[in-house]
Amino acid sequence: MRIPAHSVCTAIRDDIVAGVHERGSRLTEELLARRYGVSRVPVREALRTLEAEGFVVTRRHAGACVAEPTELEAADLLEMRMLLEPLGAARAAQRRTEAHMKVLRGLVRLGQERARRGNSDDLRSLGGWFHETLAQASGSPALIAMLTQLRHKIAWMYTVDAPAAPVESWTEHGAIVDAVSRGDGERARALTALHTERATTAHRLRFPGGQARSDRVRTSQHPVNMSGLRN
């Protein structure tokens, strides 16, 4: 059975973010097709998509290679997120559904509980789920796609320190949800802008000075047969 191109794209992107495919390394269709157990056609399509997203570049005499973004480009991503996440929250205040609110409230309750217990591993995944759901609640496919791409690229370029005050961070999440629930777009925007600005200080470049770290992961996180790969 042919693996859908979007699944191959997800696998290659995830492995780039994890460091399996290092910055500047070549991405040949033949080797990628063999690694992921697919034909070269979905690989070719995936590389085109990843080039449009900025994860891949095409170089003369080398072909497709993993991109090597500069520190300035990395800083631009954080600034873009600081602009777009508040917009998403404002839109969510007007367009959210009850299903979105149920998930957001549940995540806040769970996050606050975990924060009090000091479980940082859970908090990281819960925080990602919270911001993804908030973006989905905006009801804007274009904005959702942009924020999703930003999250992928920021995860690739930065490590994130655990919040110094996790209880306070999840209190901020709760205030954002309250504003969204009341339909107060301006307050949701302002609270999200402040929260995102504070969170940005915890980001540390993985490749300061353009040098790749020597301790990057190099073992693929995907099996050869990807029929069960997530979207």
C-alpha atoms as a PDB file:
ATOM      1  CA  MET A   1       0.000   0.000   0.000  1.00  0.00           C
ATOM      2  CA  ARG A   2       1.322   3.416  -0.928  1.00  0.00           C
ATOM      3  CA  ILE A   3       2.078   5.695   2.019  1.00  0.00           C
ATOM      4  CA  PRO A   4       0.437   9.136   1.642  1.00  0.00           C
ATOM      5  CA  ALA A   5       2.878  11.923   0.864  1.00  0.00           C
ATOM      6  CA  HIS A   6       1.788  13.958   3.899  1.00  0.00           C
ATOM      7  CA  SER A   7       2.836  11.080   6.189  1.00  0.00           C
ATOM      8  CA  VAL A   8       6.284  10.931   4.593  1.00  0.00           C
ATOM      9  CA  CYS A   9       6.565  14.689   4.977  1.00  0.00           C
ATOM     10  CA  THR A  10       5.696  14.436   8.681  1.00  0.00           C
ATOM     11  CA  ALA A  11       8.302  11.718   9.218  1.00  0.00           C
ATOM     12  CA  ILE A  12      11.104  13.615   7.476  1.00  0.00           C
ATOM     13  CA  ARG A  13      10.178  16.859   9.247  1.00  0.00           C
ATOM     14  CA  ASP A  14      10.125  15.138  12.646  1.00  0.00           C
ATOM     15  CA  ASP A  15      13.534  13.598  11.975  1.00  0.00           C
ATOM     16  CA  ILE A  16      14.962  16.952  10.904  1.00  0.00           C
ATOM     17  CA  VAL A  17      13.670  18.523  14.127  1.00  0.00           C
ATOM     18  CA  ALA A  18      15.144  15.652  16.157  1.00  0.00           C
ATOM     19  CA  GLY A  19      18.529  15.940  14.425  1.00  0.00           C
ATOM     20  CA  VAL A  20      18.406  12.599  12.608  1.00  0.00           C
ATOM     21  CA  HIS A  21      19.012  14.547   9.399  1.00  0.00           C
ATOM     22  CA  GLU A  22      21.631  17.093  10.398  1.00  0.00           C
ATOM     23  CA  ARG A  23      21.758  20.707   9.264  1.00  0.00           C
ATOM     24  CA  GLY A  24      23.340  20.954   5.833  1.00  0.00           C
ATOM     25  CA  SER A  25      23.204  17.210   5.160  1.00  0.00           C
ATOM     26  CA  ARG A  26      22.022  15.886   1.778  1.00  0.00           C
ATOM     27  CA  LEU A  27      18.564  14.372   1.443  1.00  0.00           C
ATOM     28  CA  THR A  28      18.594  11.982  -1.488  1.00  0.00           C
ATOM     29  CA  GLU A  29      15.304  10.569  -2.692  1.00  0.00           C
ATOM     30  CA  GLU A  30      16.671   7.045  -2.958  1.00  0.00           C
ATOM     31  CA  LEU A  31      18.006   6.890   0.592  1.00  0.00           C
ATOM     32  CA  LEU A  32      14.921   8.529   2.079  1.00  0.00           C
ATOM     33  CA  ALA A  33      12.618   6.154   0.199  1.00  0.00           C
ATOM     34  CA  ARG A  34      14.607   3.228   1.563  1.00  0.00           C
ATOM     35  CA  ARG A  35      14.629   4.605   5.127  1.00  0.00           C
ATOM     36  CA  TYR A  36      10.880   5.172   5.273  1.00  0.00           C
ATOM     37  CA  GLY A  37       9.838   2.184   3.198  1.00  0.00           C
ATOM     38  CA  VAL A  38       8.130   4.102   0.407  1.00  0.00           C
ATOM     39  CA  SER A  39       8.630   4.886  -3.267  1.00  0.00           C
ATOM     40  CA  ARG A  40      10.498   7.985  -4.430  1.00  0.00           C
ATOM     41  CA  VAL A  41       7.311   9.768  -5.540  1.00  0.00           C
ATOM     42  CA  PRO A  42       5.969  10.684  -2.048  1.00  0.00           C
ATOM     43  CA  VAL A  43       9.531  11.511  -0.977  1.00  0.00           C
ATOM     44  CA  ARG A  44       9.869  13.961  -3.864  1.00  0.00           C
ATOM     45  CA  GLU A  45       6.542  15.558  -2.965  1.00  0.00           C
ATOM     46  CA  ALA A  46       7.525  15.737   0.707  1.00  0.00           C
ATOM     47  CA  LEU A  47      10.814  17.465  -0.106  1.00  0.00           C
ATOM     48  CA  ARG A  48       8.963  20.105  -2.123  1.00  0.00           C
ATOM     49  CA  THR A  49       6.664  20.775   0.833  1.00  0.00           C
ATOM     50  CA  LEU A  50       9.559  20.917   3.291  1.00  0.00           C
ATOM     51  CA  GLU A  51      11.423  23.322   1.031  1.00  0.00           C
ATOM     52  CA  ALA A  52       8.382  25.606   1.002  1.00  0.00           C
ATOM     53  CA  GLU A  53       8.299  25.412   4.806  1.00  0.00           C
ATOM     54  CA  GLY A  54      11.992  26.298   5.090  1.00  0.00           C
ATOM     55  CA  PHE A  55      13.313  22.971   6.410  1.00  0.00           C
ATOM     56  CA  VAL A  56      14.972  22.015   3.116  1.00  0.00           C
ATOM     57  CA  VAL A  57      16.948  23.941   0.497  1.00  0.00           C
ATOM     58  CA  THR A  58      18.015  22.898  -3.016  1.00  0.00           C
ATOM     59  CA  ARG A  59      21.693  23.485  -3.735  1.00  0.00           C
ATOM     60  CA  ARG A  60      23.457  23.378  -7.061  1.00  0.00           C
ATOM     61  CA  HIS A  61      25.385  20.131  -7.572  1.00  0.00           C
ATOM     62  CA  ALA A  62      24.074  18.789  -4.239  1.00  0.00           C
ATOM     63  CA  GLY A  63      20.310  18.684  -4.605  1.00  0.00           C
ATOM     64  CA  ALA A  64      18.031  18.745  -1.568  1.00  0.00           C
ATOM     65  CA  CYS A  65      19.759  19.491   1.748  1.00  0.00           C
ATOM     66  CA  VAL A  66      18.631  20.257   5.272  1.00  0.00           C
ATOM     67  CA  ALA A  67      18.486  24.036   5.676  1.00  0.00           C
ATOM     68  CA  GLU A  68      20.879  25.929   7.938  1.00  0.00           C
ATOM     69  CA  PRO A  69      18.922  28.906   9.252  1.00  0.00           C
ATOM     70  CA  THR A  70      20.807  31.842  10.730  1.00  0.00           C
ATOM     71  CA  GLU A  71      20.395  33.264  14.227  1.00  0.00           C
ATOM     72  CA  LEU A  72      18.510  36.203  12.708  1.00  0.00           C
ATOM     73  CA  GLU A  73      16.065  33.863  11.001  1.00  0.00           C
ATOM     74  CA  ALA A  74      15.576  32.004  14.267  1.00  0.00           C
ATOM     75  CA  ALA A  75      14.895  35.255  16.124  1.00  0.00           C
ATOM     76  CA  ASP A  76      12.346  36.213  13.462  1.00  0.00           C
ATOM     77  CA  LEU A  77      10.369  33.058  14.243  1.00  0.00           C
ATOM     78  CA  LEU A  78       9.924  34.027  17.886  1.00  0.00           C
ATOM     79  CA  GLU A  79       8.854  37.521  16.887  1.00  0.00           C
ATOM     80  CA  MET A  80       6.339  36.115  14.409  1.00  0.00           C
ATOM     81  CA  ARG A  81       4.889  33.861  17.076  1.00  0.00           C
ATOM     82  CA  MET A  82       4.563  36.846  19.431  1.00  0.00           C
ATOM     83  CA  LEU A  83       2.418  38.516  16.780  1.00  0.00           C
ATOM     84  CA  LEU A  84       0.369  35.547  15.600  1.00  0.00           C
ATOM     85  CA  GLU A  85      -0.517  33.754  18.845  1.00  0.00           C
ATOM     86  CA  PRO A  86      -2.317  36.813  20.281  1.00  0.00           C
ATOM     87  CA  LEU A  87      -4.198  37.145  16.994  1.00  0.00           C
ATOM     88  CA  GLY A  88      -5.202  33.496  17.257  1.00  0.00           C
ATOM     89  CA  ALA A  89      -6.467  34.008  20.813  1.00  0.00           C
ATOM     90  CA  ALA A  90      -8.515  37.043  19.749  1.00  0.00           C
ATOM     91  CA  ARG A  91     -10.053  35.045  16.912  1.00  0.00           C
ATOM     92  CA  ALA A  92     -10.713  32.131  19.275  1.00  0.00           C
ATOM     93  CA  ALA A  93     -12.734  34.414  21.538  1.00  0.00           C
ATOM     94  CA  GLN A  94     -15.128  34.943  18.631  1.00  0.00           C
ATOM     95  CA  ARG A  95     -15.064  31.553  16.936  1.00  0.00           C
ATOM     96  CA  ARG A  96     -14.394  28.881  19.567  1.00  0.00           C
ATOM     97  CA  THR A  97     -16.798  25.993  19.957  1.00  0.00           C
ATOM     98  CA  GLU A  98     -17.935  24.296  23.142  1.00  0.00           C
ATOM     99  CA  ALA A  99     -15.699  21.373  22.222  1.00  0.00           C
ATOM    100  CA  HIS A 100     -12.688  23.704  22.136  1.00  0.00           C
ATOM    101  CA  MET A 101     -13.635  25.205  25.491  1.00  0.00           C
ATOM    102  CA  LYS A 102     -14.049  21.793  27.083  1.00  0.00           C
ATOM    103  CA  VAL A 103     -10.547  20.783  25.998  1.00  0.00           C
ATOM    104  CA  LEU A 104      -8.984  24.109  27.012  1.00  0.00           C
ATOM    105  CA  ARG A 105     -10.590  24.085  30.467  1.00  0.00           C
ATOM    106  CA  GLY A 106      -9.537  20.483  30.998  1.00  0.00           C
ATOM    107  CA  LEU A 107      -5.953  21.264  30.013  1.00  0.00           C
ATOM    108  CA  VAL A 108      -5.841  24.233  32.394  1.00  0.00           C
ATOM    109  CA  ARG A 109      -7.141  22.129  35.296  1.00  0.00           C
ATOM    110  CA  LEU A 110      -4.633  19.387  34.560  1.00  0.00           C
ATOM    111  CA  GLY A 111      -1.794  21.840  33.991  1.00  0.00           C
ATOM    112  CA  GLN A 112      -2.429  23.672  37.241  1.00  0.00           C
ATOM    113  CA  GLU A 113      -2.528  20.375  39.114  1.00  0.00           C
ATOM    114  CA  ARG A 114       0.741  19.182  37.542  1.00  0.00           C
ATOM    115  CA  ALA A 115       2.366  22.582  38.161  1.00  0.00           C
ATOM    116  CA  ARG A 116       1.595  22.363  41.866  1.00  0.00           C
ATOM    117  CA  ARG A 117       3.170  18.912  41.900  1.00  0.00           C
ATOM    118  CA  GLY A 118       6.225  20.071  39.937  1.00  0.00           C
ATOM    119  CA  ASN A 119       5.893  17.531  37.101  1.00  0.00           C
ATOM    120  CA  SER A 120       7.820  19.404  34.387  1.00  0.00           C
ATOM    121  CA  ASP A 121       7.708  16.609  31.790  1.00  0.00           C
ATOM    122  CA  ASP A 122       3.912  16.578  31.750  1.00  0.00           C
ATOM    123  CA  LEU A 123       3.786  20.372  31.709  1.00  0.00           C
ATOM    124  CA  ARG A 124       5.792  20.608  28.508  1.00  0.00           C
ATOM    125  CA  SER A 125       3.434  18.349  26.562  1.00  0.00           C
ATOM    126  CA  LEU A 126       0.331  19.898  28.139  1.00  0.00           C
ATOM    127  CA  GLY A 127       1.545  23.368  27.216  1.00  0.00           C
ATOM    128  CA  GLY A 128       2.034  22.339  23.606  1.00  0.00           C
ATOM    129  CA  TRP A 129      -1.434  20.800  23.526  1.00  0.00           C
ATOM    130  CA  PHE A 130      -2.925  23.962  25.053  1.00  0.00           C
ATOM    131  CA  HIS A 131      -1.447  26.299  22.446  1.00  0.00           C
ATOM    132  CA  GLU A 132      -2.338  23.935  19.613  1.00  0.00           C
ATOM    133  CA  THR A 133      -5.966  23.801  20.785  1.00  0.00           C
ATOM    134  CA  LEU A 134      -6.080  27.581  21.199  1.00  0.00           C
ATOM    135  CA  ALA A 135      -4.890  27.959  17.609  1.00  0.00           C
ATOM    136  CA  GLN A 136      -7.486  25.441  16.393  1.00  0.00           C
ATOM    137  CA  ALA A 137     -10.169  27.449  18.181  1.00  0.00           C
ATOM    138  CA  SER A 138      -9.325  30.476  16.005  1.00  0.00           C
ATOM    139  CA  GLY A 139     -11.272  28.867  13.173  1.00  0.00           C
ATOM    140  CA  SER A 140      -8.741  30.192  10.644  1.00  0.00           C
ATOM    141  CA  PRO A 141      -7.091  27.444   8.562  1.00  0.00           C
ATOM    142  CA  ALA A 142      -4.371  29.803   7.306  1.00  0.00           C
ATOM    143  CA  LEU A 143      -3.491  30.997  10.811  1.00  0.00           C
ATOM    144  CA  ILE A 144      -3.561  27.458  12.185  1.00  0.00           C
ATOM    145  CA  ALA A 145      -1.172  26.302   9.444  1.00  0.00           C
ATOM    146  CA  MET A 146       1.222  29.189  10.094  1.00  0.00           C
ATOM    147  CA  LEU A 147       1.269  28.614  13.853  1.00  0.00           C
ATOM    148  CA  THR A 148       1.785  24.867  13.355  1.00  0.00           C
ATOM    149  CA  GLN A 149       4.739  25.529  11.063  1.00  0.00           C
ATOM    150  CA  LEU A 150       6.182  28.019  13.545  1.00  0.00           C
ATOM    151  CA  ARG A 151       5.953  25.467  16.361  1.00  0.00           C
ATOM    152  CA  HIS A 152       7.842  22.891  14.277  1.00  0.00           C
ATOM    153  CA  LYS A 153      10.595  25.323  13.304  1.00  0.00           C
ATOM    154  CA  ILE A 154      10.989  26.769  16.790  1.00  0.00           C
ATOM    155  CA  ALA A 155      11.299  23.234  18.205  1.00  0.00           C
ATOM    156  CA  TRP A 156      14.019  22.581  15.612  1.00  0.00           C
ATOM    157  CA  MET A 157      16.026  25.717  16.363  1.00  0.00           C
ATOM    158  CA  TYR A 158      15.535  26.113  20.109  1.00  0.00           C
ATOM    159  CA  THR A 159      15.601  24.232  23.357  1.00  0.00           C
ATOM    160  CA  VAL A 160      13.143  25.529  25.945  1.00  0.00           C
ATOM    161  CA  ASP A 161      13.896  25.823  29.647  1.00  0.00           C
ATOM    162  CA  ALA A 162      11.210  24.724  32.079  1.00  0.00           C
ATOM    163  CA  PRO A 163       9.184  27.708  33.369  1.00  0.00           C
ATOM    164  CA  ALA A 164      10.731  29.248  36.466  1.00  0.00           C
ATOM    165  CA  ALA A 165       7.234  29.691  37.909  1.00  0.00           C
ATOM    166  CA  PRO A 166       5.026  26.951  36.412  1.00  0.00           C
ATOM    167  CA  VAL A 167       2.060  27.715  38.658  1.00  0.00           C
ATOM    168  CA  GLU A 168       2.087  31.328  37.481  1.00  0.00           C
ATOM    169  CA  SER A 169       2.405  30.205  33.860  1.00  0.00           C
ATOM    170  CA  TRP A 170      -0.681  28.003  34.131  1.00  0.00           C
ATOM    171  CA  THR A 171      -2.554  30.774  35.928  1.00  0.00           C
ATOM    172  CA  GLU A 172      -1.907  32.845  32.796  1.00  0.00           C
ATOM    173  CA  HIS A 173      -3.266  29.985  30.677  1.00  0.00           C
ATOM    174  CA  GLY A 174      -6.400  29.991  32.813  1.00  0.00           C
ATOM    175  CA  ALA A 175      -6.878  33.738  32.403  1.00  0.00           C
ATOM    176  CA  ILE A 176      -6.584  33.398  28.617  1.00  0.00           C
ATOM    177  CA  VAL A 177      -9.243  30.677  28.618  1.00  0.00           C
ATOM    178  CA  ASP A 178     -11.552  32.815  30.767  1.00  0.00           C
ATOM    179  CA  ALA A 179     -11.232  35.698  28.285  1.00  0.00           C
ATOM    180  CA  VAL A 180     -11.867  33.384  25.325  1.00  0.00           C
ATOM    181  CA  SER A 181     -14.885  31.888  27.099  1.00  0.00           C
ATOM    182  CA  ARG A 182     -16.388  35.357  27.664  1.00  0.00           C
ATOM    183  CA  GLY A 183     -15.809  36.327  24.049  1.00  0.00           C
ATOM    184  CA  ASP A 184     -13.460  39.143  25.088  1.00  0.00           C
ATOM    185  CA  GLY A 185     -11.117  39.192  22.107  1.00  0.00           C
ATOM    186  CA  GLU A 186      -9.074  42.213  23.177  1.00  0.00           C
ATOM    187  CA  ARG A 187      -8.344  40.806  26.633  1.00  0.00           C
ATOM    188  CA  ALA A 188      -7.520  37.394  25.155  1.00  0.00           C
ATOM    189  CA  ARG A 189      -5.115  39.094  22.762  1.00  0.00           C
ATOM    190  CA  ALA A 190      -3.436  41.153  25.494  1.00  0.00           C
ATOM    191  CA  LEU A 191      -3.062  38.254  27.918  1.00  0.00           C
ATOM    192  CA  THR A 192      -1.657  35.975  25.219  1.00  0.00           C
ATOM    193  CA  ALA A 193       0.808  38.647  24.089  1.00  0.00           C
ATOM    194  CA  LEU A 194       2.135  39.008  27.644  1.00  0.00           C
ATOM    195  CA  HIS A 195       2.287  35.244  28.147  1.00  0.00           C
ATOM    196  CA  THR A 196       4.111  34.649  24.847  1.00  0.00           C
ATOM    197  CA  GLU A 197       6.604  37.427  25.552  1.00  0.00           C
ATOM    198  CA  ARG A 198       7.452  35.898  28.930  1.00  0.00           C
ATOM    199  CA  ALA A 199       7.753  32.405  27.478  1.00  0.00           C
ATOM    200  CA  THR A 200      10.163  33.613  24.787  1.00  0.00           C
ATOM    201  CA  THR A 201      12.869  34.304  27.387  1.00  0.00           C
ATOM    202  CA  ALA A 202      13.106  30.556  28.098  1.00  0.00           C
ATOM    203  CA  HIS A 203      14.232  29.740  24.522  1.00  0.00           C
ATOM    204  CA  ARG A 204      17.885  28.889  23.855  1.00  0.00           C
ATOM    205  CA  LEU A 205      19.366  28.452  20.378  1.00  0.00           C
ATOM    206  CA  ARG A 206      20.410  24.892  19.598  1.00  0.00           C
ATOM    207  CA  PHE A 207      23.031  26.104  17.112  1.00  0.00           C
ATOM    208  CA  PRO A 208      24.605  29.318  18.441  1.00  0.00           C
ATOM    209  CA  GLY A 209      26.992  30.820  15.910  1.00  0.00           C
ATOM    210  CA  GLY A 210      25.657  28.489  13.239  1.00  0.00           C
ATOM    211  CA  GLN A 211      27.441  25.442  14.687  1.00  0.00           C
ATOM    212  CA  ALA A 212      25.546  22.215  15.160  1.00  0.00           C
ATOM    213  CA  ARG A 213      25.732  20.698  18.616  1.00  0.00           C
ATOM    214  CA  SER A 214      27.699  17.483  18.841  1.00  0.00           C
ATOM    215  CA  ASP A 215      25.137  15.745  21.033  1.00  0.00           C
ATOM    216  CA  ARG A 216      22.283  15.817  18.523  1.00  0.00           C
ATOM    217  CA  VAL A 217      20.104  12.735  18.205  1.00  0.00           C
ATOM    218  CA  ARG A 218      21.043  10.643  15.197  1.00  0.00           C
ATOM    219  CA  THR A 219      18.780   7.622  15.497  1.00  0.00           C
ATOM    220  CA  SER A 220      15.585   7.747  13.486  1.00  0.00           C
ATOM    221  CA  GLN A 221      12.427   7.821  15.561  1.00  0.00           C
ATOM    222  CA  HIS A 222      10.387   6.251  12.766  1.00  0.00           C
ATOM    223  CA  PRO A 223      10.190   2.571  11.798  1.00  0.00           C
ATOM    224  CA  VAL A 224      10.892   1.533   8.235  1.00  0.00           C
ATOM    225  CA  ASN A 225       7.237   0.606   7.724  1.00  0.00           C
ATOM    226  CA  MET A 226       5.318   3.810   8.335  1.00  0.00           C
ATOM    227  CA  SER A 227       1.783   2.609   7.711  1.00  0.00           C
ATOM    228  CA  GLY A 228       0.804   3.627  11.220  1.00  0.00           C
ATOM    229  CA  LEU A 229       2.473   7.025  11.152  1.00  0.00           C
ATOM    230  CA  ARG A 230       0.491   9.824  12.718  1.00  0.00           C
ATOM    231  CA  ASN A 231      -0.729  12.742  10.618  1.00  0.00           C
END
